[in-house]
Amino acid sequence: MMRDDLMVQQQVETPWQHMVGVICLNCTGRKQVKKVLPILFTVAPTPVHFLNTPEKTVKRIIKSLGMVDVRYKRLARMTKDFLTWDGKDASMLYGIGKYGSDSYKLFYKNEIPDDIGDHELKRYVREELNEHLYIS
């Protein structure tokens, strides 16, 4: 089970898993997503595994998040895009918008976006910056 005090993005292992988490978080609460992702990543830990997992299996796992058909379509198309993605701009991946792009910059590129819109990402940046200021 994922730790409740950390953001979903802090508990995944790869950029692809990060993007899956972003899509799963859309129109859903993080507590629900934190229950689903460990199961999904046990069955499909990589993009190739995901694409080889029967659609029925994935939909059964993500059903509790709602919008199962739309969410599955986004996950599948993003995963196909991910296989040829250059790793630069996350918003080039299907289903990944501003939040996904900002969180990718923060957690994988170690960049702080200028205009973060999401309140949890803003809080994370504030806390991290304060922590580093006290350590320095």
N, C-alpha and C. Protein backbone atom coordinates (compact mmCIF):
# COMPACT_ATOMS: atom_id res chain seq x y z
N MET A 1 0.85 -1.18 0.00
CA MET A 1 0.00 0.00 0.00
C MET A 1 0.89 1.24 0.00
N MET A 2 0.43 2.26 -0.64
CA MET A 2 1.19 3.51 -0.72
C MET A 2 1.02 4.33 0.55
N ARG A 3 2.05 5.08 0.90
CA ARG A 3 1.99 5.96 2.08
C ARG A 3 1.01 7.09 1.84
N ASP A 4 0.19 7.36 2.83
CA ASP A 4 -0.84 8.39 2.70
C ASP A 4 -0.28 9.80 2.80
N ASP A 5 0.91 9.95 3.40
CA ASP A 5 1.46 11.29 3.58
C ASP A 5 2.25 11.79 2.37
N LEU A 6 2.44 10.95 1.39
CA LEU A 6 3.18 11.34 0.20
C LEU A 6 2.24 11.45 -1.00
N MET A 7 2.63 12.28 -1.96
CA MET A 7 1.87 12.38 -3.20
C MET A 7 2.06 11.09 -4.00
N VAL A 8 1.10 10.78 -4.84
CA VAL A 8 1.19 9.59 -5.69
C VAL A 8 2.50 9.61 -6.48
N GLN A 9 2.86 10.78 -7.01
CA GLN A 9 4.05 10.89 -7.84
C GLN A 9 5.34 10.57 -7.09
N GLN A 10 5.31 10.66 -5.78
CA GLN A 10 6.50 10.34 -4.99
C GLN A 10 6.61 8.84 -4.72
N GLN A 11 5.65 8.07 -5.18
CA GLN A 11 5.63 6.65 -4.83
C GLN A 11 5.63 5.72 -6.04
N VAL A 12 5.90 6.26 -7.21
CA VAL A 12 6.00 5.43 -8.40
C VAL A 12 7.47 5.31 -8.78
N GLU A 13 7.78 4.34 -9.61
CA GLU A 13 9.19 4.05 -9.88
C GLU A 13 9.72 4.59 -11.19
N THR A 14 8.85 4.86 -12.15
CA THR A 14 9.32 5.26 -13.48
C THR A 14 8.47 6.41 -14.02
N PRO A 15 8.98 7.12 -15.02
CA PRO A 15 8.16 8.16 -15.64
C PRO A 15 6.84 7.63 -16.21
N TRP A 16 6.85 6.44 -16.78
CA TRP A 16 5.59 5.88 -17.30
C TRP A 16 4.60 5.66 -16.16
N GLN A 17 5.04 5.10 -15.05
CA GLN A 17 4.15 4.91 -13.91
C GLN A 17 3.64 6.25 -13.40
N HIS A 18 4.48 7.26 -13.46
CA HIS A 18 4.07 8.61 -13.08
C HIS A 18 2.90 9.06 -13.96
N MET A 19 3.03 8.88 -15.26
CA MET A 19 1.96 9.31 -16.18
C MET A 19 0.68 8.51 -15.95
N VAL A 20 0.82 7.24 -15.66
CA VAL A 20 -0.36 6.43 -15.33
C VAL A 20 -1.03 7.01 -14.08
N GLY A 21 -0.24 7.35 -13.09
CA GLY A 21 -0.79 7.96 -11.88
C GLY A 21 -1.51 9.25 -12.16
N VAL A 22 -0.96 10.07 -13.05
CA VAL A 22 -1.58 11.35 -13.42
C VAL A 22 -2.95 11.11 -14.05
N ILE A 23 -3.02 10.17 -14.98
CA ILE A 23 -4.30 9.88 -15.63
C ILE A 23 -5.29 9.30 -14.62
N CYS A 24 -4.82 8.46 -13.75
CA CYS A 24 -5.72 7.88 -12.74
C CYS A 24 -6.22 8.93 -11.75
N LEU A 25 -5.42 9.96 -11.49
CA LEU A 25 -5.84 11.01 -10.56
C LEU A 25 -6.91 11.93 -11.14
N ASN A 26 -7.05 11.97 -12.45
CA ASN A 26 -8.01 12.87 -13.07
C ASN A 26 -9.43 12.56 -12.61
N CYS A 27 -10.09 13.55 -12.03
CA CYS A 27 -11.48 13.44 -11.54
C CYS A 27 -11.65 12.37 -10.47
N THR A 28 -10.61 12.15 -9.69
CA THR A 28 -10.64 11.13 -8.65
C THR A 28 -9.79 11.61 -7.47
N GLY A 29 -10.02 11.04 -6.32
CA GLY A 29 -9.22 11.37 -5.14
C GLY A 29 -7.98 10.51 -5.05
N ARG A 30 -6.95 11.07 -4.43
CA ARG A 30 -5.68 10.34 -4.33
C ARG A 30 -5.78 9.07 -3.50
N LYS A 31 -6.69 9.05 -2.50
CA LYS A 31 -6.81 7.84 -1.68
C LYS A 31 -7.28 6.66 -2.51
N GLN A 32 -8.22 6.91 -3.42
CA GLN A 32 -8.68 5.85 -4.31
C GLN A 32 -7.55 5.37 -5.21
N VAL A 33 -6.82 6.32 -5.76
CA VAL A 33 -5.73 5.99 -6.69
C VAL A 33 -4.64 5.19 -5.98
N LYS A 34 -4.36 5.55 -4.74
CA LYS A 34 -3.31 4.85 -4.00
C LYS A 34 -3.67 3.39 -3.72
N LYS A 35 -4.94 3.05 -3.78
CA LYS A 35 -5.36 1.66 -3.62
C LYS A 35 -5.22 0.89 -4.93
N VAL A 36 -5.43 1.59 -6.04
CA VAL A 36 -5.46 0.95 -7.36
C VAL A 36 -4.06 0.75 -7.95
N LEU A 37 -3.20 1.75 -7.84
CA LEU A 37 -1.91 1.68 -8.52
C LEU A 37 -1.04 0.48 -8.14
N PRO A 38 -0.93 0.13 -6.86
CA PRO A 38 -0.09 -1.05 -6.56
C PRO A 38 -0.60 -2.32 -7.25
N ILE A 39 -1.91 -2.45 -7.35
CA ILE A 39 -2.48 -3.63 -8.03
C ILE A 39 -2.17 -3.56 -9.52
N LEU A 40 -2.41 -2.39 -10.12
CA LEU A 40 -2.16 -2.23 -11.55
C LEU A 40 -0.69 -2.47 -11.88
N PHE A 41 0.22 -1.94 -11.06
CA PHE A 41 1.64 -2.08 -11.35
C PHE A 41 2.17 -3.48 -11.04
N THR A 42 1.44 -4.25 -10.27
CA THR A 42 1.82 -5.65 -10.09
C THR A 42 1.51 -6.43 -11.37
N VAL A 43 0.38 -6.12 -11.97
CA VAL A 43 -0.04 -6.78 -13.21
C VAL A 43 0.71 -6.22 -14.41
N ALA A 44 0.89 -4.90 -14.44
CA ALA A 44 1.49 -4.23 -15.60
C ALA A 44 2.51 -3.19 -15.13
N PRO A 45 3.72 -3.62 -14.78
CA PRO A 45 4.71 -2.69 -14.25
C PRO A 45 5.38 -1.79 -15.30
N THR A 46 5.26 -2.14 -16.57
CA THR A 46 5.92 -1.39 -17.64
C THR A 46 4.93 -1.12 -18.77
N PRO A 47 5.28 -0.21 -19.68
CA PRO A 47 4.38 0.04 -20.81
C PRO A 47 4.11 -1.22 -21.64
N VAL A 48 5.13 -2.00 -21.88
CA VAL A 48 4.94 -3.22 -22.69
C VAL A 48 4.01 -4.20 -21.98
N HIS A 49 4.22 -4.38 -20.68
CA HIS A 49 3.31 -5.25 -19.92
C HIS A 49 1.88 -4.73 -20.00
N PHE A 50 1.72 -3.40 -19.85
CA PHE A 50 0.38 -2.81 -19.91
C PHE A 50 -0.28 -3.13 -21.24
N LEU A 51 0.43 -2.90 -22.33
CA LEU A 51 -0.16 -3.13 -23.66
C LEU A 51 -0.46 -4.60 -23.92
N ASN A 52 0.23 -5.49 -23.21
CA ASN A 52 -0.02 -6.93 -23.36
C ASN A 52 -1.02 -7.48 -22.36
N THR A 53 -1.49 -6.63 -21.45
CA THR A 53 -2.50 -7.05 -20.47
C THR A 53 -3.87 -6.90 -21.09
N PRO A 54 -4.71 -7.92 -20.97
CA PRO A 54 -6.06 -7.81 -21.56
C PRO A 54 -6.81 -6.58 -21.05
N GLU A 55 -7.49 -5.90 -21.94
CA GLU A 55 -8.25 -4.70 -21.61
C GLU A 55 -9.21 -4.96 -20.45
N LYS A 56 -9.85 -6.12 -20.46
CA LYS A 56 -10.79 -6.50 -19.40
C LYS A 56 -10.12 -6.49 -18.03
N THR A 57 -8.91 -6.97 -17.98
CA THR A 57 -8.17 -7.04 -16.71
C THR A 57 -7.87 -5.63 -16.19
N VAL A 58 -7.38 -4.77 -17.06
CA VAL A 58 -7.06 -3.39 -16.65
C VAL A 58 -8.33 -2.67 -16.21
N LYS A 59 -9.39 -2.83 -16.98
CA LYS A 59 -10.65 -2.15 -16.63
C LYS A 59 -11.19 -2.62 -15.29
N ARG A 60 -11.04 -3.89 -15.01
CA ARG A 60 -11.49 -4.41 -13.71
C ARG A 60 -10.69 -3.76 -12.56
N ILE A 61 -9.40 -3.56 -12.78
CA ILE A 61 -8.54 -2.96 -11.76
C ILE A 61 -8.87 -1.49 -11.55
N ILE A 62 -9.12 -0.75 -12.63
CA ILE A 62 -9.32 0.70 -12.51
C ILE A 62 -10.79 1.09 -12.35
N LYS A 63 -11.68 0.13 -12.35
CA LYS A 63 -13.12 0.41 -12.29
C LYS A 63 -13.52 1.32 -11.13
N SER A 64 -12.93 1.13 -9.97
CA SER A 64 -13.31 1.91 -8.79
C SER A 64 -12.99 3.40 -8.94
N LEU A 65 -12.16 3.77 -9.92
CA LEU A 65 -11.80 5.17 -10.14
C LEU A 65 -12.86 5.91 -10.96
N GLY A 66 -13.79 5.16 -11.54
CA GLY A 66 -14.82 5.78 -12.37
C GLY A 66 -14.32 6.03 -13.79
N MET A 67 -15.24 6.43 -14.65
CA MET A 67 -14.94 6.73 -16.06
C MET A 67 -14.05 5.64 -16.68
N VAL A 68 -14.38 4.40 -16.45
CA VAL A 68 -13.48 3.30 -16.79
C VAL A 68 -13.13 3.24 -18.27
N ASP A 69 -14.10 3.44 -19.16
CA ASP A 69 -13.81 3.36 -20.59
C ASP A 69 -12.92 4.51 -21.04
N VAL A 70 -13.24 5.72 -20.60
CA VAL A 70 -12.44 6.90 -20.95
C VAL A 70 -11.04 6.78 -20.36
N ARG A 71 -10.97 6.37 -19.11
CA ARG A 71 -9.67 6.26 -18.43
C ARG A 71 -8.80 5.19 -19.11
N TYR A 72 -9.41 4.06 -19.46
CA TYR A 72 -8.63 3.01 -20.13
C TYR A 72 -8.11 3.51 -21.48
N LYS A 73 -8.96 4.20 -22.23
CA LYS A 73 -8.56 4.73 -23.54
C LYS A 73 -7.36 5.68 -23.37
N ARG A 74 -7.43 6.56 -22.38
CA ARG A 74 -6.32 7.51 -22.14
C ARG A 74 -5.04 6.76 -21.75
N LEU A 75 -5.19 5.78 -20.87
CA LEU A 75 -4.02 5.01 -20.44
C LEU A 75 -3.38 4.28 -21.62
N ALA A 76 -4.20 3.65 -22.44
CA ALA A 76 -3.69 2.88 -23.58
C ALA A 76 -3.02 3.79 -24.61
N ARG A 77 -3.66 4.91 -24.95
CA ARG A 77 -3.07 5.82 -25.94
C ARG A 77 -1.82 6.50 -25.39
N MET A 78 -1.83 6.89 -24.13
CA MET A 78 -0.64 7.50 -23.53
C MET A 78 0.51 6.49 -23.55
N THR A 79 0.20 5.24 -23.21
CA THR A 79 1.24 4.20 -23.17
C THR A 79 1.85 3.97 -24.55
N LYS A 80 1.03 3.94 -25.58
CA LYS A 80 1.56 3.81 -26.95
C LYS A 80 2.44 5.00 -27.30
N ASP A 81 1.98 6.21 -26.96
CA ASP A 81 2.79 7.41 -27.20
C ASP A 81 4.11 7.35 -26.44
N PHE A 82 4.04 6.87 -25.20
CA PHE A 82 5.20 6.84 -24.32
C PHE A 82 6.36 6.04 -24.93
N LEU A 83 6.04 4.99 -25.66
CA LEU A 83 7.07 4.13 -26.23
C LEU A 83 7.97 4.86 -27.22
N THR A 84 7.47 5.95 -27.83
CA THR A 84 8.28 6.70 -28.79
C THR A 84 8.54 8.14 -28.34
N TRP A 85 8.14 8.47 -27.14
CA TRP A 85 8.27 9.82 -26.59
C TRP A 85 9.72 10.13 -26.29
N ASP A 86 10.13 11.38 -26.53
CA ASP A 86 11.52 11.79 -26.31
C ASP A 86 11.83 12.19 -24.87
N GLY A 87 10.83 12.19 -23.99
CA GLY A 87 11.05 12.50 -22.58
C GLY A 87 11.14 13.98 -22.26
N LYS A 88 10.85 14.83 -23.23
CA LYS A 88 10.99 16.27 -22.98
C LYS A 88 9.70 16.89 -22.46
N ASP A 89 8.70 17.00 -23.28
CA ASP A 89 7.46 17.69 -22.93
C ASP A 89 6.35 16.67 -22.67
N ALA A 90 5.99 16.51 -21.41
CA ALA A 90 4.99 15.50 -21.04
C ALA A 90 3.62 15.78 -21.65
N SER A 91 3.33 17.04 -21.94
CA SER A 91 2.03 17.35 -22.52
C SER A 91 1.88 16.83 -23.95
N MET A 92 2.95 16.32 -24.51
CA MET A 92 2.88 15.69 -25.84
C MET A 92 2.27 14.29 -25.75
N LEU A 93 2.18 13.75 -24.56
CA LEU A 93 1.58 12.43 -24.37
C LEU A 93 0.06 12.56 -24.28
N TYR A 94 -0.65 11.66 -24.92
CA TYR A 94 -2.10 11.69 -24.91
C TYR A 94 -2.62 11.64 -23.47
N GLY A 95 -3.53 12.54 -23.16
CA GLY A 95 -4.17 12.54 -21.85
C GLY A 95 -3.39 13.23 -20.75
N ILE A 96 -2.23 13.77 -21.07
CA ILE A 96 -1.41 14.45 -20.06
C ILE A 96 -1.51 15.96 -20.30
N GLY A 97 -2.05 16.66 -19.32
CA GLY A 97 -2.22 18.10 -19.44
C GLY A 97 -1.24 18.85 -18.57
N LYS A 98 -1.66 20.01 -18.13
CA LYS A 98 -0.81 20.91 -17.34
C LYS A 98 -0.31 20.27 -16.04
N TYR A 99 -1.23 19.66 -15.31
CA TYR A 99 -0.84 19.03 -14.05
C TYR A 99 0.22 17.95 -14.28
N GLY A 100 0.00 17.11 -15.26
CA GLY A 100 0.95 16.04 -15.56
C GLY A 100 2.29 16.58 -16.02
N SER A 101 2.24 17.64 -16.83
CA SER A 101 3.46 18.26 -17.31
C SER A 101 4.23 18.90 -16.15
N ASP A 102 3.52 19.65 -15.30
CA ASP A 102 4.17 20.30 -14.16
C ASP A 102 4.77 19.27 -13.20
N SER A 103 4.02 18.24 -12.90
CA SER A 103 4.53 17.25 -11.94
C SER A 103 5.70 16.47 -12.53
N TYR A 104 5.69 16.22 -13.83
CA TYR A 104 6.83 15.56 -14.48
C TYR A 104 8.08 16.45 -14.36
N LYS A 105 7.91 17.75 -14.63
CA LYS A 105 9.04 18.67 -14.51
C LYS A 105 9.60 18.65 -13.09
N LEU A 106 8.72 18.66 -12.10
CA LEU A 106 9.16 18.66 -10.69
C LEU A 106 9.87 17.38 -10.29
N PHE A 107 9.25 16.24 -10.56
CA PHE A 107 9.74 14.98 -10.02
C PHE A 107 10.77 14.27 -10.89
N TYR A 108 10.82 14.59 -12.19
CA TYR A 108 11.76 13.87 -13.06
C TYR A 108 12.80 14.76 -13.72
N LYS A 109 12.50 16.03 -13.87
CA LYS A 109 13.46 16.93 -14.51
C LYS A 109 14.06 17.91 -13.50
N ASN A 110 13.59 17.84 -12.26
CA ASN A 110 14.07 18.74 -11.20
C ASN A 110 13.97 20.22 -11.59
N GLU A 111 12.85 20.54 -12.24
CA GLU A 111 12.57 21.92 -12.63
C GLU A 111 11.32 22.38 -11.90
N ILE A 112 11.28 23.65 -11.55
CA ILE A 112 10.09 24.21 -10.93
C ILE A 112 9.37 25.05 -11.98
N PRO A 113 8.20 24.60 -12.43
CA PRO A 113 7.46 25.37 -13.42
C PRO A 113 7.09 26.75 -12.88
N ASP A 114 7.03 27.73 -13.76
CA ASP A 114 6.74 29.11 -13.36
C ASP A 114 5.32 29.29 -12.82
N ASP A 115 4.38 28.63 -13.40
CA ASP A 115 2.97 28.91 -13.09
C ASP A 115 2.21 27.64 -12.68
N ILE A 116 2.63 27.03 -11.61
CA ILE A 116 1.98 25.81 -11.12
C ILE A 116 0.54 26.14 -10.73
N GLY A 117 -0.40 25.37 -11.25
CA GLY A 117 -1.81 25.62 -10.96
C GLY A 117 -2.35 24.74 -9.84
N ASP A 118 -1.84 23.55 -9.70
CA ASP A 118 -2.38 22.59 -8.73
C ASP A 118 -1.94 22.92 -7.31
N HIS A 119 -2.89 22.94 -6.38
CA HIS A 119 -2.57 23.32 -5.00
C HIS A 119 -1.65 22.33 -4.30
N GLU A 120 -1.77 21.03 -4.60
CA GLU A 120 -0.87 20.04 -3.97
C GLU A 120 0.56 20.20 -4.48
N LEU A 121 0.71 20.48 -5.76
CA LEU A 121 2.06 20.70 -6.29
C LEU A 121 2.66 21.98 -5.71
N LYS A 122 1.83 23.02 -5.57
CA LYS A 122 2.31 24.26 -4.96
C LYS A 122 2.77 24.00 -3.53
N ARG A 123 1.98 23.25 -2.78
CA ARG A 123 2.34 22.93 -1.40
C ARG A 123 3.65 22.15 -1.35
N TYR A 124 3.80 21.18 -2.24
CA TYR A 124 5.03 20.39 -2.30
C TYR A 124 6.24 21.29 -2.55
N VAL A 125 6.12 22.20 -3.52
CA VAL A 125 7.23 23.09 -3.85
C VAL A 125 7.56 23.98 -2.66
N ARG A 126 6.52 24.54 -2.03
CA ARG A 126 6.74 25.39 -0.85
C ARG A 126 7.47 24.64 0.24
N GLU A 127 7.01 23.44 0.55
CA GLU A 127 7.63 22.66 1.63
C GLU A 127 9.05 22.24 1.28
N GLU A 128 9.27 21.82 0.04
CA GLU A 128 10.61 21.41 -0.38
C GLU A 128 11.57 22.59 -0.36
N LEU A 129 11.13 23.73 -0.88
CA LEU A 129 12.00 24.90 -0.88
C LEU A 129 12.33 25.34 0.54
N ASN A 130 11.35 25.34 1.42
CA ASN A 130 11.60 25.71 2.81
C ASN A 130 12.56 24.74 3.47
N GLU A 131 12.39 23.45 3.21
CA GLU A 131 13.29 22.45 3.79
C GLU A 131 14.71 22.67 3.33
N HIS A 132 14.91 22.93 2.03
CA HIS A 132 16.25 23.14 1.49
C HIS A 132 16.86 24.44 2.02
N LEU A 133 16.04 25.45 2.22
CA LEU A 133 16.56 26.71 2.74
C LEU A 133 17.08 26.54 4.17
N TYR A 134 16.40 25.71 4.96
CA TYR A 134 16.85 25.49 6.33
C TYR A 134 18.09 24.60 6.39
N ILE A 135 18.25 23.71 5.44
CA ILE A 135 19.40 22.82 5.42
C ILE A 135 20.65 23.57 4.97
N SER A 136 20.51 24.48 4.03
CA SER A 136 21.66 25.22 3.46
C SER A 136 22.37 26.07 4.47
